[in-house]
C-alpha atoms as a PDB file:
ATOM      1  CA  MET A   1       0.034  -0.102  -0.099  1.00  0.00           C
ATOM      2  CA  LYS A   2       2.795   2.308   0.926  1.00  0.00           C
ATOM      3  CA  ARG A   3       4.433   1.646  -2.372  1.00  0.00           C
ATOM      4  CA  ARG A   4       1.245   2.489  -4.312  1.00  0.00           C
ATOM      5  CA  THR A   5       0.831   5.711  -2.486  1.00  0.00           C
ATOM      6  CA  ARG A   6       4.372   6.711  -3.168  1.00  0.00           C
ATOM      7  CA  LEU A   7       3.910   6.008  -6.834  1.00  0.00           C
ATOM      8  CA  VAL A   8       0.698   8.059  -6.781  1.00  0.00           C
ATOM      9  CA  CYS A   9       2.487  11.118  -5.336  1.00  0.00           C
ATOM     10  CA  LEU A  10       5.330  10.686  -7.666  1.00  0.00           C
ATOM     11  CA  LEU A  11       2.885  10.650 -10.764  1.00  0.00           C
ATOM     12  CA  GLY A  12       1.026  13.811  -9.085  1.00  0.00           C
ATOM     13  CA  SER A  13       4.228  15.681  -8.921  1.00  0.00           C
ATOM     14  CA  VAL A  14       5.170  14.801 -12.653  1.00  0.00           C
ATOM     15  CA  LEU A  15       1.722  15.923 -13.687  1.00  0.00           C
ATOM     16  CA  ALA A  16       2.079  19.264 -11.506  1.00  0.00           C
ATOM     17  CA  CYS A  17       5.434  19.870 -13.200  1.00  0.00           C
ATOM     18  CA  LEU A  18       3.977  19.331 -16.750  1.00  0.00           C
ATOM     19  CA  ALA A  19       0.822  21.523 -16.015  1.00  0.00           C
ATOM     20  CA  GLY A  20       3.150  24.238 -14.814  1.00  0.00           C
ATOM     21  CA  CYS A  21       5.146  24.061 -17.897  1.00  0.00           C
ATOM     22  CA  GLY A  22       2.048  24.144 -19.959  1.00  0.00           C
ATOM     23  CA  VAL A  23       0.910  27.231 -18.301  1.00  0.00           C
ATOM     24  CA  LEU A  24       4.330  28.939 -18.765  1.00  0.00           C
ATOM     25  CA  THR A  25       4.220  28.034 -22.414  1.00  0.00           C
ATOM     26  CA  ALA A  26       0.764  29.645 -22.795  1.00  0.00           C
ATOM     27  CA  VAL A  27       2.120  32.808 -20.871  1.00  0.00           C
ATOM     28  CA  SER A  28       5.006  32.765 -23.382  1.00  0.00           C
ATOM     29  CA  VAL A  29       2.826  32.648 -26.427  1.00  0.00           C
ATOM     30  CA  HIS A  30       0.741  35.439 -25.004  1.00  0.00           C
ATOM     31  CA  MET A  31       3.679  37.664 -24.385  1.00  0.00           C
ATOM     32  CA  ALA A  32       5.184  37.041 -27.779  1.00  0.00           C
ATOM     33  CA  GLY A  33       1.869  38.067 -29.383  1.00  0.00           C
ATOM     34  CA  SER A  34       1.463  41.177 -27.309  1.00  0.00           C
ATOM     35  CA  LEU A  35       3.986  43.103 -29.454  1.00  0.00           C
ATOM     36  CA  PRO A  36       2.260  43.950 -32.874  1.00  0.00           C
ATOM     37  CA  HIS A  37       5.425  45.894 -33.962  1.00  0.00           C
ATOM     38  CA  GLN A  38       7.316  42.630 -34.068  1.00  0.00           C
ATOM     39  CA  GLN A  39       4.618  40.858 -36.296  1.00  0.00           C
ATOM     40  CA  ALA A  40       4.711  43.047 -39.556  1.00  0.00           C
ATOM     41  CA  ALA A  41       5.926  40.017 -41.631  1.00  0.00           C
ATOM     42  CA  GLU A  42       3.063  37.819 -40.459  1.00  0.00           C
ATOM     43  CA  ARG A  43       0.469  40.513 -41.402  1.00  0.00           C
ATOM     44  CA  PHE A  44       2.056  41.274 -44.743  1.00  0.00           C
ATOM     45  CA  ALA A  45       2.281  37.397 -45.681  1.00  0.00           C
ATOM     46  CA  GLY A  46      -1.187  36.980 -44.541  1.00  0.00           C
ATOM     47  CA  SER A  47      -2.532  39.392 -47.139  1.00  0.00           C
ATOM     48  CA  GLY A  48      -2.064  36.926 -49.857  1.00  0.00           C
ATOM     49  CA  GLY A  49       0.300  34.544 -51.506  1.00  0.00           C
ATOM     50  CA  GLU A  50       2.348  31.677 -50.033  1.00  0.00           C
ATOM     51  CA  LEU A  51       5.710  33.280 -49.927  1.00  0.00           C
ATOM     52  CA  PRO A  52       7.005  33.424 -46.335  1.00  0.00           C
ATOM     53  CA  TYR A  53       8.452  36.811 -45.069  1.00  0.00           C
ATOM     54  CA  ALA A  54      10.691  38.135 -42.385  1.00  0.00           C
ATOM     55  CA  GLN A  55      10.860  41.467 -40.689  1.00  0.00           C
ATOM     56  CA  VAL A  56      14.348  42.804 -40.246  1.00  0.00           C
ATOM     57  CA  SER A  57      15.373  46.081 -38.343  1.00  0.00           C
ATOM     58  CA  VAL A  58      18.456  48.032 -38.476  1.00  0.00           C
ATOM     59  CA  PHE A  59      19.608  50.332 -35.713  1.00  0.00           C
ATOM     60  CA  THR A  60      22.436  52.779 -36.079  1.00  0.00           C
ATOM     61  CA  ASN A  61      24.821  54.641 -33.929  1.00  0.00           C
ATOM     62  CA  GLU A  62      25.516  58.294 -34.309  1.00  0.00           C
ATOM     63  CA  GLU A  63      28.174  57.895 -36.969  1.00  0.00           C
ATOM     64  CA  ASN A  64      26.003  55.628 -39.387  1.00  0.00           C
ATOM     65  CA  ARG A  65      22.739  57.385 -39.317  1.00  0.00           C
ATOM     66  CA  LEU A  66      20.902  57.419 -42.732  1.00  0.00           C
ATOM     67  CA  THR A  67      19.698  60.073 -44.969  1.00  0.00           C
ATOM     68  CA  GLU A  68      16.790  59.481 -47.463  1.00  0.00           C
ATOM     69  CA  GLY A  69      19.415  59.372 -50.402  1.00  0.00           C
ATOM     70  CA  ILE A  70      21.056  56.464 -48.689  1.00  0.00           C
ATOM     71  CA  ILE A  71      17.725  54.639 -47.998  1.00  0.00           C
ATOM     72  CA  GLY A  72      16.808  55.228 -51.776  1.00  0.00           C
ATOM     73  CA  MET A  73      20.073  53.406 -52.708  1.00  0.00           C
ATOM     74  CA  TYR A  74      19.137  50.736 -50.286  1.00  0.00           C
ATOM     75  CA  GLU A  75      15.734  50.267 -51.991  1.00  0.00           C
ATOM     76  CA  GLU A  76      17.140  50.275 -55.451  1.00  0.00           C
ATOM     77  CA  SER A  77      19.897  47.563 -54.434  1.00  0.00           C
ATOM     78  CA  MET A  78      17.185  45.334 -52.724  1.00  0.00           C
ATOM     79  CA  ASN A  79      15.018  45.469 -55.777  1.00  0.00           C
ATOM     80  CA  ASP A  80      17.885  44.309 -57.761  1.00  0.00           C
ATOM     81  CA  ALA A  81      18.922  41.772 -55.372  1.00  0.00           C
ATOM     82  CA  LEU A  82      15.249  40.229 -55.218  1.00  0.00           C
ATOM     83  CA  ARG A  83      14.983  40.131 -59.188  1.00  0.00           C
ATOM     84  CA  GLU A  84      18.468  38.300 -59.300  1.00  0.00           C
ATOM     85  CA  ALA A  85      16.691  35.778 -56.756  1.00  0.00           C
ATOM     86  CA  SER A  86      13.783  35.436 -59.222  1.00  0.00           C
ATOM     87  CA  LEU A  87      11.356  36.678 -56.598  1.00  0.00           C
ATOM     88  CA  GLU A  88       8.545  38.771 -58.090  1.00  0.00           C
ATOM     89  CA  ALA A  89       5.193  40.028 -56.665  1.00  0.00           C
ATOM     90  CA  SER A  90       2.038  37.887 -57.183  1.00  0.00           C
ATOM     91  CA  SER A  91       0.322  40.646 -59.334  1.00  0.00           C
ATOM     92  CA  GLU A  92       1.119  44.160 -60.799  1.00  0.00           C
ATOM     93  CA  GLU A  93      -0.909  45.939 -58.052  1.00  0.00           C
ATOM     94  CA  ALA A  94       0.731  43.796 -55.218  1.00  0.00           C
ATOM     95  CA  ARG A  95       4.025  44.742 -53.660  1.00  0.00           C
ATOM     96  CA  LEU A  96       6.850  42.304 -53.053  1.00  0.00           C
ATOM     97  CA  TRP A  97       8.252  44.041 -50.052  1.00  0.00           C
ATOM     98  CA  TYR A  98       8.166  47.442 -48.214  1.00  0.00           C
ATOM     99  CA  ASP A  99      10.227  49.475 -45.779  1.00  0.00           C
ATOM    100  CA  ALA A 100      10.109  52.187 -43.131  1.00  0.00           C
ATOM    101  CA  TRP A 101      12.519  54.418 -41.364  1.00  0.00           C
ATOM    102  CA  SER A 102      12.391  56.645 -38.476  1.00  0.00           C
ATOM    103  CA  ALA A 103      14.506  59.171 -36.325  1.00  0.00           C
ATOM    104  CA  GLN A 104      14.433  59.921 -32.637  1.00  0.00           C
ATOM    105  CA  ALA A 105      14.208  63.668 -33.119  1.00  0.00           C
ATOM    106  CA  GLY A 106      14.558  64.481 -29.444  1.00  0.00           C
ATOM    107  CA  SER A 107      12.463  66.859 -27.527  1.00  0.00           C
ATOM    108  CA  MET A 108      10.653  69.591 -29.299  1.00  0.00           C
ATOM    109  CA  GLU A 109       8.373  72.513 -28.165  1.00  0.00           C
ATOM    110  CA  LEU A 110       4.644  72.012 -29.090  1.00  0.00           C
ATOM    111  CA  SER A 111       1.739  74.304 -28.656  1.00  0.00           C
ATOM    112  CA  GLY A 112      -2.069  74.074 -29.040  1.00  0.00           C
ATOM    113  CA  THR A 113      -5.278  75.938 -27.999  1.00  0.00           C
ATOM    114  CA  ARG A 114      -4.675  75.805 -24.204  1.00  0.00           C
ATOM    115  CA  GLY A 115      -1.868  78.384 -24.386  1.00  0.00           C
ATOM    116  CA  GLY A 116       1.750  77.898 -23.348  1.00  0.00           C
ATOM    117  CA  SER A 117       3.888  75.015 -24.790  1.00  0.00           C
ATOM    118  CA  VAL A 118       4.445  71.464 -24.022  1.00  0.00           C
ATOM    119  CA  THR A 119       7.819  69.521 -24.473  1.00  0.00           C
ATOM    120  CA  ALA A 120       7.373  66.158 -26.187  1.00  0.00           C
ATOM    121  CA  SER A 121       9.472  63.404 -27.509  1.00  0.00           C
ATOM    122  CA  VAL A 122       9.179  63.596 -31.361  1.00  0.00           C
ATOM    123  CA  THR A 123       9.689  60.502 -33.677  1.00  0.00           C
ATOM    124  CA  ALA A 124       9.900  61.422 -37.307  1.00  0.00           C
ATOM    125  CA  VAL A 125       8.720  58.547 -39.653  1.00  0.00           C
ATOM    126  CA  GLY A 126       9.034  57.738 -43.215  1.00  0.00           C
ATOM    127  CA  GLY A 127       8.007  54.893 -45.543  1.00  0.00           C
ATOM    128  CA  ASP A 128       5.213  52.532 -44.436  1.00  0.00           C
ATOM    129  CA  PHE A 129       6.126  53.189 -40.820  1.00  0.00           C
ATOM    130  CA  PHE A 130       2.634  52.578 -39.517  1.00  0.00           C
ATOM    131  CA  ALA A 131       2.448  49.175 -41.539  1.00  0.00           C
ATOM    132  CA  VAL A 132       5.275  48.036 -39.423  1.00  0.00           C
ATOM    133  CA  HIS A 133       4.038  49.844 -36.239  1.00  0.00           C
ATOM    134  CA  PRO A 134       0.296  49.828 -36.041  1.00  0.00           C
ATOM    135  CA  VAL A 135       0.116  52.216 -33.041  1.00  0.00           C
ATOM    136  CA  ARG A 136      -3.122  52.086 -31.082  1.00  0.00           C
ATOM    137  CA  LEU A 137      -5.540  54.730 -32.062  1.00  0.00           C
ATOM    138  CA  VAL A 138      -8.107  56.326 -29.758  1.00  0.00           C
ATOM    139  CA  ALA A 139      -9.172  58.910 -32.262  1.00  0.00           C
ATOM    140  CA  GLY A 140      -8.510  59.976 -36.014  1.00  0.00           C
ATOM    141  CA  GLY A 141      -6.064  58.012 -38.157  1.00  0.00           C
ATOM    142  CA  TYR A 142      -2.631  57.714 -39.487  1.00  0.00           C
ATOM    143  CA  PHE A 143      -0.917  59.749 -41.965  1.00  0.00           C
ATOM    144  CA  SER A 144       1.021  58.573 -44.998  1.00  0.00           C
ATOM    145  CA  GLN A 145       4.092  59.314 -47.027  1.00  0.00           C
ATOM    146  CA  GLU A 146       1.588  59.377 -50.068  1.00  0.00           C
ATOM    147  CA  ASP A 147      -0.376  62.478 -48.589  1.00  0.00           C
ATOM    148  CA  LEU A 148      -0.163  65.536 -50.660  1.00  0.00           C
ATOM    149  CA  MET A 149       0.766  67.555 -47.733  1.00  0.00           C
ATOM    150  CA  GLN A 150       3.223  66.336 -45.242  1.00  0.00           C
ATOM    151  CA  ASP A 151       2.199  68.588 -42.498  1.00  0.00           C
ATOM    152  CA  ARG A 152       0.208  65.999 -40.400  1.00  0.00           C
ATOM    153  CA  ILE A 153       1.081  64.810 -36.815  1.00  0.00           C
ATOM    154  CA  LEU A 154      -0.015  61.903 -34.661  1.00  0.00           C
ATOM    155  CA  ILE A 155      -0.112  62.742 -30.842  1.00  0.00           C
ATOM    156  CA  ASP A 156      -0.618  60.539 -27.906  1.00  0.00           C
ATOM    157  CA  THR A 157      -3.405  61.154 -25.281  1.00  0.00           C
ATOM    158  CA  THR A 158      -1.099  62.641 -22.712  1.00  0.00           C
ATOM    159  CA  LEU A 159       0.072  65.311 -25.265  1.00  0.00           C
ATOM    160  CA  ALA A 160      -3.642  65.795 -26.568  1.00  0.00           C
ATOM    161  CA  TRP A 161      -4.669  66.514 -22.980  1.00  0.00           C
ATOM    162  CA  GLN A 162      -1.806  69.014 -22.180  1.00  0.00           C
ATOM    163  CA  LEU A 163      -2.401  70.816 -25.489  1.00  0.00           C
ATOM    164  CA  PHE A 164      -6.118  70.704 -25.851  1.00  0.00           C
ATOM    165  CA  GLY A 165      -7.780  69.281 -22.844  1.00  0.00           C
ATOM    166  CA  SER A 166      -9.506  66.486 -24.860  1.00  0.00           C
ATOM    167  CA  TRP A 167      -8.789  63.361 -27.130  1.00  0.00           C
ATOM    168  CA  GLU A 168     -11.308  64.557 -29.916  1.00  0.00           C
ATOM    169  CA  VAL A 169      -8.772  66.763 -31.463  1.00  0.00           C
ATOM    170  CA  GLU A 170      -8.648  65.370 -35.092  1.00  0.00           C
ATOM    171  CA  GLY A 171      -8.166  68.232 -37.521  1.00  0.00           C
ATOM    172  CA  MET A 172      -6.971  70.596 -35.046  1.00  0.00           C
ATOM    173  CA  THR A 173      -3.722  72.573 -35.312  1.00  0.00           C
ATOM    174  CA  VAL A 174      -0.498  71.819 -33.381  1.00  0.00           C
ATOM    175  CA  THR A 175       2.578  74.255 -33.708  1.00  0.00           C
ATOM    176  CA  VAL A 176       5.672  72.346 -33.697  1.00  0.00           C
ATOM    177  CA  MET A 177       8.951  74.419 -33.693  1.00  0.00           C
ATOM    178  CA  GLY A 178       7.140  77.212 -35.466  1.00  0.00           C
ATOM    179  CA  HIS A 179       5.523  74.870 -38.135  1.00  0.00           C
ATOM    180  CA  PRO A 180       1.626  74.471 -38.113  1.00  0.00           C
ATOM    181  CA  CYS A 181       0.605  70.835 -38.202  1.00  0.00           C
ATOM    182  CA  ILE A 182      -2.719  69.115 -38.439  1.00  0.00           C
ATOM    183  CA  VAL A 183      -3.535  66.545 -36.024  1.00  0.00           C
ATOM    184  CA  SER A 184      -4.292  63.334 -37.933  1.00  0.00           C
ATOM    185  CA  GLY A 185      -5.025  61.115 -34.875  1.00  0.00           C
ATOM    186  CA  VAL A 186      -4.488  60.395 -31.317  1.00  0.00           C
ATOM    187  CA  THR A 187      -2.639  57.321 -30.030  1.00  0.00           C
ATOM    188  CA  GLU A 188      -1.845  55.623 -26.798  1.00  0.00           C
ATOM    189  CA  PRO A 189       0.899  52.975 -25.831  1.00  0.00           C
ATOM    190  CA  ASP A 190       0.096  49.407 -26.091  1.00  0.00           C
ATOM    191  CA  PRO A 191      -1.261  48.116 -23.030  1.00  0.00           C
ATOM    192  CA  ASP A 192       1.306  45.251 -22.162  1.00  0.00           C
ATOM    193  CA  SER A 193       3.697  45.988 -19.256  1.00  0.00           C
ATOM    194  CA  ALA A 194       6.904  46.026 -21.686  1.00  0.00           C
ATOM    195  CA  SER A 195       5.467  48.631 -23.948  1.00  0.00           C
ATOM    196  CA  LYS A 196       4.226  50.786 -21.047  1.00  0.00           C
ATOM    197  CA  ALA A 197       7.647  50.602 -19.243  1.00  0.00           C
ATOM    198  CA  ALA A 198       9.609  51.370 -22.536  1.00  0.00           C
ATOM    199  CA  TYR A 199       7.126  54.184 -23.531  1.00  0.00           C
ATOM    200  CA  GLY A 200       7.604  56.134 -20.310  1.00  0.00           C
ATOM    201  CA  GLU A 201       5.355  59.001 -18.972  1.00  0.00           C
ATOM    202  CA  ALA A 202       6.809  61.809 -21.285  1.00  0.00           C
ATOM    203  CA  PRO A 203       4.406  62.950 -24.038  1.00  0.00           C
ATOM    204  CA  ARG A 204       5.163  61.721 -27.587  1.00  0.00           C
ATOM    205  CA  CYS A 205       4.184  62.374 -31.182  1.00  0.00           C
ATOM    206  CA  TYR A 206       4.886  61.238 -34.754  1.00  0.00           C
ATOM    207  CA  LEU A 207       5.579  63.575 -37.671  1.00  0.00           C
ATOM    208  CA  SER A 208       6.491  62.907 -41.219  1.00  0.00           C
ATOM    209  CA  PHE A 209      10.129  62.579 -41.974  1.00  0.00           C
ATOM    210  CA  THR A 210       9.795  65.098 -44.837  1.00  0.00           C
ATOM    211  CA  LEU A 211       8.622  67.760 -42.290  1.00  0.00           C
ATOM    212  CA  TYR A 212      11.419  66.995 -39.946  1.00  0.00           C
ATOM    213  CA  GLU A 213      13.855  67.255 -42.865  1.00  0.00           C
ATOM    214  CA  ALA A 214      12.529  70.623 -43.601  1.00  0.00           C
ATOM    215  CA  MET A 215      12.991  71.738 -39.985  1.00  0.00           C
ATOM    216  CA  GLN A 216      16.506  70.430 -39.932  1.00  0.00           C
ATOM    217  CA  GLN A 217      17.359  72.361 -43.093  1.00  0.00           C
ATOM    218  CA  GLU A 218      16.182  75.475 -41.510  1.00  0.00           C
ATOM    219  CA  GLN A 219      18.935  74.964 -38.896  1.00  0.00           C
ATOM    220  CA  GLY A 220      21.466  74.059 -41.323  1.00  0.00           C
ATOM    221  CA  MET A 221      21.367  70.332 -40.347  1.00  0.00           C
ATOM    222  CA  GLU A 222      20.777  67.159 -42.171  1.00  0.00           C
ATOM    223  CA  ALA A 223      17.964  64.728 -41.111  1.00  0.00           C
ATOM    224  CA  ARG A 224      19.121  61.347 -40.590  1.00  0.00           C
ATOM    225  CA  ALA A 225      17.384  58.161 -39.731  1.00  0.00           C
ATOM    226  CA  ASP A 226      18.497  56.002 -36.880  1.00  0.00           C
ATOM    227  CA  CYS A 227      16.207  53.054 -37.691  1.00  0.00           C
ATOM    228  CA  TYR A 228      15.518  51.332 -40.911  1.00  0.00           C
ATOM    229  CA  GLU A 229      12.995  48.390 -41.145  1.00  0.00           C
ATOM    230  CA  ALA A 230      11.971  46.219 -44.017  1.00  0.00           C
ATOM    231  CA  VAL A 231       9.508  43.144 -44.624  1.00  0.00           C
ATOM    232  CA  LEU A 232      11.201  41.006 -46.997  1.00  0.00           C
ATOM    233  CA  PRO A 233      10.621  37.678 -48.749  1.00  0.00           C
ATOM    234  CA  ASN A 234      12.281  34.983 -46.770  1.00  0.00           C
ATOM    235  CA  PRO A 235      12.078  31.699 -48.770  1.00  0.00           C
ATOM    236  CA  VAL A 236      14.738  29.926 -46.664  1.00  0.00           C
ATOM    237  CA  HIS A 237      15.784  30.792 -43.328  1.00  0.00           C
ATOM    238  CA  GLY A 238      18.173  33.814 -43.012  1.00  0.00           C
ATOM    239  CA  PHE A 239      17.519  34.916 -46.550  1.00  0.00           C
ATOM    240  CA  ALA A 240      15.851  38.277 -45.676  1.00  0.00           C
ATOM    241  CA  ARG A 241      18.634  39.414 -43.047  1.00  0.00           C
ATOM    242  CA  GLY A 242      21.355  38.041 -45.330  1.00  0.00           C
ATOM    243  CA  LYS A 243      20.009  40.083 -48.425  1.00  0.00           C
ATOM    244  CA  LEU A 244      19.659  43.358 -46.192  1.00  0.00           C
ATOM    245  CA  THR A 245      23.135  43.024 -44.766  1.00  0.00           C
ATOM    246  CA  ASN A 246      24.609  42.555 -48.268  1.00  0.00           C
ATOM    247  CA  VAL A 247      22.709  45.674 -49.349  1.00  0.00           C
ATOM    248  CA  ILE A 248      23.970  47.886 -46.502  1.00  0.00           C
ATOM    249  CA  GLY A 249      27.602  46.552 -47.132  1.00  0.00           C
ATOM    250  CA  GLU A 250      30.500  47.405 -45.015  1.00  0.00           C
ATOM    251  CA  ALA A 251      28.522  50.121 -43.057  1.00  0.00           C
ATOM    252  CA  HIS A 252      26.768  47.308 -41.193  1.00  0.00           C
ATOM    253  CA  ASP A 253      29.791  46.963 -38.797  1.00  0.00           C
ATOM    254  CA  GLY A 254      28.350  50.178 -36.999  1.00  0.00           C
ATOM    255  CA  MET A 255      24.910  48.977 -36.932  1.00  0.00           C
ATOM    256  CA  VAL A 256      22.788  46.420 -35.083  1.00  0.00           C
ATOM    257  CA  ILE A 257      20.676  44.223 -37.367  1.00  0.00           C
ATOM    258  CA  VAL A 258      17.750  42.227 -35.745  1.00  0.00           C
ATOM    259  CA  GLN A 259      15.483  39.677 -37.353  1.00  0.00           C
ATOM    260  CA  ASN A 260      11.986  40.365 -35.586  1.00  0.00           C
ATOM    261  CA  THR A 261      10.403  37.420 -37.077  1.00  0.00           C
ATOM    262  CA  GLY A 262      10.963  34.391 -35.124  1.00  0.00           C
ATOM    263  CA  ARG A 263      12.520  36.508 -32.346  1.00  0.00           C
ATOM    264  CA  TYR A 264      10.650  34.586 -29.566  1.00  0.00           C
ATOM    265  CA  GLY A 265      11.293  31.036 -30.833  1.00  0.00           C
ATOM    266  CA  ILE A 266      12.813  28.386 -28.822  1.00  0.00           C
ATOM    267  CA  ALA A 267      16.259  28.534 -30.435  1.00  0.00           C
ATOM    268  CA  GLN A 268      16.363  32.363 -30.227  1.00  0.00           C
ATOM    269  CA  ARG A 269      15.020  32.293 -26.617  1.00  0.00           C
ATOM    270  CA  TYR A 270      17.822  29.924 -25.718  1.00  0.00           C
ATOM    271  CA  HIS A 271      20.444  32.138 -27.403  1.00  0.00           C
ATOM    272  CA  THR A 272      19.133  35.081 -25.369  1.00  0.00           C
ATOM    273  CA  LEU A 273      19.365  33.159 -22.170  1.00  0.00           C
ATOM    274  CA  CYS A 274      22.940  32.129 -22.703  1.00  0.00           C
ATOM    275  CA  HIS A 275      23.727  35.971 -23.495  1.00  0.00           C
ATOM    276  CA  LEU A 276      21.675  37.732 -20.925  1.00  0.00           C
ATOM    277  CA  ARG A 277      24.601  39.958 -19.972  1.00  0.00           C
ATOM    278  CA  ALA A 278      25.127  41.302 -23.345  1.00  0.00           C
ATOM    279  CA  LEU A 279      21.312  42.049 -23.348  1.00  0.00           C
ATOM    280  CA  MET A 280      21.473  43.911 -19.988  1.00  0.00           C
ATOM    281  CA  THR A 281      24.639  45.980 -21.020  1.00  0.00           C
ATOM    282  CA  ALA A 282      24.415  47.549 -24.485  1.00  0.00           C
ATOM    283  CA  SER A 283      27.847  48.639 -25.509  1.00  0.00           C
ATOM    284  CA  ASP A 284      27.239  49.253 -29.150  1.00  0.00           C
ATOM    285  CA  GLY A 285      26.816  52.937 -29.125  1.00  0.00           C
ATOM    286  CA  VAL A 286      23.091  52.436 -30.524  1.00  0.00           C
ATOM    287  CA  THR A 287      20.207  54.358 -28.999  1.00  0.00           C
ATOM    288  CA  TYR A 288      17.134  52.333 -29.371  1.00  0.00           C
ATOM    289  CA  PRO A 289      13.546  53.405 -29.881  1.00  0.00           C
ATOM    290  CA  HIS A 290      10.990  52.650 -27.391  1.00  0.00           C
ATOM    291  CA  TRP A 291       9.465  49.772 -29.426  1.00  0.00           C
ATOM    292  CA  GLU A 292      12.887  48.011 -29.545  1.00  0.00           C
ATOM    293  CA  ASN A 293      13.334  48.534 -25.843  1.00  0.00           C
ATOM    294  CA  ALA A 294      10.067  46.991 -25.330  1.00  0.00           C
ATOM    295  CA  ALA A 295      10.908  43.790 -27.562  1.00  0.00           C
ATOM    296  CA  ARG A 296      14.344  43.675 -25.424  1.00  0.00           C
ATOM    297  CA  ILE A 297      12.185  43.736 -22.292  1.00  0.00           C
ATOM    298  CA  ARG A 298      10.399  40.940 -23.666  1.00  0.00           C
ATOM    299  CA  ASP A 299      13.452  39.096 -24.825  1.00  0.00           C
ATOM    300  CA  TYR A 300      14.513  38.970 -21.206  1.00  0.00           C
ATOM    301  CA  ASP A 301      11.104  37.736 -20.009  1.00  0.00           C
ATOM    302  CA  GLU A 302      10.908  35.080 -22.587  1.00  0.00           C
ATOM    303  CA  ALA A 303      14.538  33.934 -21.697  1.00  0.00           C
ATOM    304  CA  LEU A 304      13.474  33.596 -18.049  1.00  0.00           C
ATOM    305  CA  LEU A 305      10.412  31.659 -18.769  1.00  0.00           C
ATOM    306  CA  LEU A 306      12.329  29.237 -20.894  1.00  0.00           C
ATOM    307  CA  LEU A 307      14.718  28.792 -17.923  1.00  0.00           C
ATOM    308  CA  TRP A 308      11.641  27.937 -15.543  1.00  0.00           C
ATOM    309  CA  GLN A 309      10.145  25.885 -18.352  1.00  0.00           C
ATOM    310  CA  CYS A 310      13.420  23.827 -18.397  1.00  0.00           C
ATOM    311  CA  VAL A 311      13.532  23.664 -14.698  1.00  0.00           C
ATOM    312  CA  LEU A 312       9.991  22.173 -14.466  1.00  0.00           C
ATOM    313  CA  LEU A 313      10.723  19.592 -17.186  1.00  0.00           C
ATOM    314  CA  VAL A 314      13.817  18.175 -15.190  1.00  0.00           C
ATOM    315  CA  TRP A 315      11.715  16.143 -12.872  1.00  0.00           C
ATOM    316  CA  PRO A 316       9.353  14.598 -15.460  1.00  0.00           C
ATOM    317  CA  CYS A 317      12.273  13.672 -17.700  1.00  0.00           C
ATOM    318  CA  LEU A 318      14.251  12.002 -14.543  1.00  0.00           C
ATOM    319  CA  PHE A 319      10.906  10.030 -13.706  1.00  0.00           C
ATOM    320  CA  GLY A 320      10.478   9.041 -17.385  1.00  0.00           C
ATOM    321  CA  LEU A 321      14.045   7.674 -17.300  1.00  0.00           C
ATOM    322  CA  MET A 322      13.537   5.896 -13.949  1.00  0.00           C
ATOM    323  CA  MET A 323      10.510   4.313 -15.387  1.00  0.00           C
ATOM    324  CA  LEU A 324      12.175   3.291 -18.556  1.00  0.00           C
ATOM    325  CA  TRP A 325      14.999   1.769 -16.485  1.00  0.00           C
ATOM    326  CA  LYS A 326      12.746  -0.113 -14.278  1.00  0.00           C
ATOM    327  CA  GLY A 327      10.759  -1.392 -17.339  1.00  0.00           C
ATOM    328  CA  TYR A 328      14.078  -2.539 -18.911  1.00  0.00           C
ATOM    329  CA  ARG A 329      15.115  -4.270 -15.701  1.00  0.00           C
ATOM    330  CA  ALA A 330      11.625  -5.967 -15.342  1.00  0.00           C
ATOM    331  CA  LEU A 331      11.767  -6.819 -19.049  1.00  0.00           C
ATOM    332  CA  GLY A 332      15.226  -8.465 -18.424  1.00  0.00           C
ATOM    333  CA  ARG A 333      13.995 -10.595 -15.360  1.00  0.00           C
ATOM    334  CA  PHE A 334      10.976 -11.778 -17.373  1.00  0.00           C
ATOM    335  CA  LEU A 335      13.105 -13.037 -20.219  1.00  0.00           C
ATOM    336  CA  ALA A 336      15.592 -14.575 -17.766  1.00  0.00           C
ATOM    337  CA  GLN A 337      12.757 -16.452 -15.816  1.00  0.00           C
ATOM    338  CA  ARG A 338      11.291 -17.679 -19.309  1.00  0.00           C
ATOM    339  CA  HIS A 339      14.739 -18.741 -20.236  1.00  0.00           C
ATOM    340  CA  ARG A 340      15.132 -20.666 -16.863  1.00  0.00           C
ATOM    341  CA  ALA A 341      11.744 -22.193 -17.311  1.00  0.00           C
ATOM    342  CA  ARG A 342      12.484 -23.458 -20.814  1.00  0.00           C
ATOM    343  CA  LYS A 343      15.821 -25.129 -19.656  1.00  0.00           C
ATOM    344  CA  ARG A 344      13.964 -26.851 -16.807  1.00  0.00           C
ATOM    345  CA  ARG A 345      11.309 -28.054 -19.190  1.00  0.00           C
ATOM    346  CA  TYR A 346      13.943 -29.522 -21.535  1.00  0.00           C
ATOM    347  CA  ARG A 347      15.597 -31.275 -18.575  1.00  0.00           C
ATOM    348  CA  THR A 348      12.393 -32.941 -17.470  1.00  0.00           C
ATOM    349  CA  ILE A 349      11.423 -34.489 -20.811  1.00  0.00           C
ATOM    350  CA  PRO A 350      12.080 -38.334 -20.510  1.00  0.00           C
ATOM    351  CA  GLU A 351      14.201 -39.902 -23.022  1.00  0.00           C
ATOM    352  CA  GLN A 352      12.584 -41.856 -25.717  1.00  0.00           C
ATOM    353  CA  PRO A 353      13.363 -45.794 -25.401  1.00  0.00           C
END
């Protein structure tokens, strides 16, 4: 009876460990899916066609920031590279790939109808930025590089309250460093803990890279992007990242290139777990935007979840090995008994006269 009770307790502990591992797996899947700015490739591939895609991000340091001219060269080189690989869009209207770029423009003074000015963190964006980063809207909509006038701005709820005392401010005018801009919409940070932590409490806004370029020219400076992102065909593992690295050329030595697609897979989580110190102490001279900081927070969380999953699986694996060993020994004893019984049977057979 004691032996049976002990076996039941052992089986219960194994099932508890497996259940805990299942819960952590569900939590991991939920956290990985909570960052929409890491899933641009899945959204684009789901729009039609069977070609797999990958999202790749490039972050630059101060010395390697990108002008729109350099980005244009990247686009031409990428088109040539994809043609050489015999990759074409599914139709004349469809796009084979797209890209986006952004610059952390620092803090700027903005003013609205409430009087006075508010200092906000400004992100200048170009290309299909909001296709890669579908920021949450509470009012209005996005602006686009295809707009006739590049004077529209997207502000967050904190900034909307400080400038106007309301969220319903679509179409109202915000003055940014002396430039009147039309509010296209109001946004808020993603609700997950990583995004909130990386976003911070300071008000933020997004304006077009074209307008930012005009502002920089007025000050005798050149607008440069510190983040370049592309959603590219990825027929084989590593194809998209390899092509973008080749297009960038030798300049990639001063950049950090991240493949966002598959970022929270088992292999990548294991790699992150083995290099947690490098994740915690960035020494590459790159200042990451808030969405990448949120993704890096999630990298850390996912790596720790993998560690706990492995810990919980240790006992079920040991128990399974123990059961296999006991089964092997029982099988050996059974075969030995059969062999001895067969030998006794032959010994007891009387000789024929």
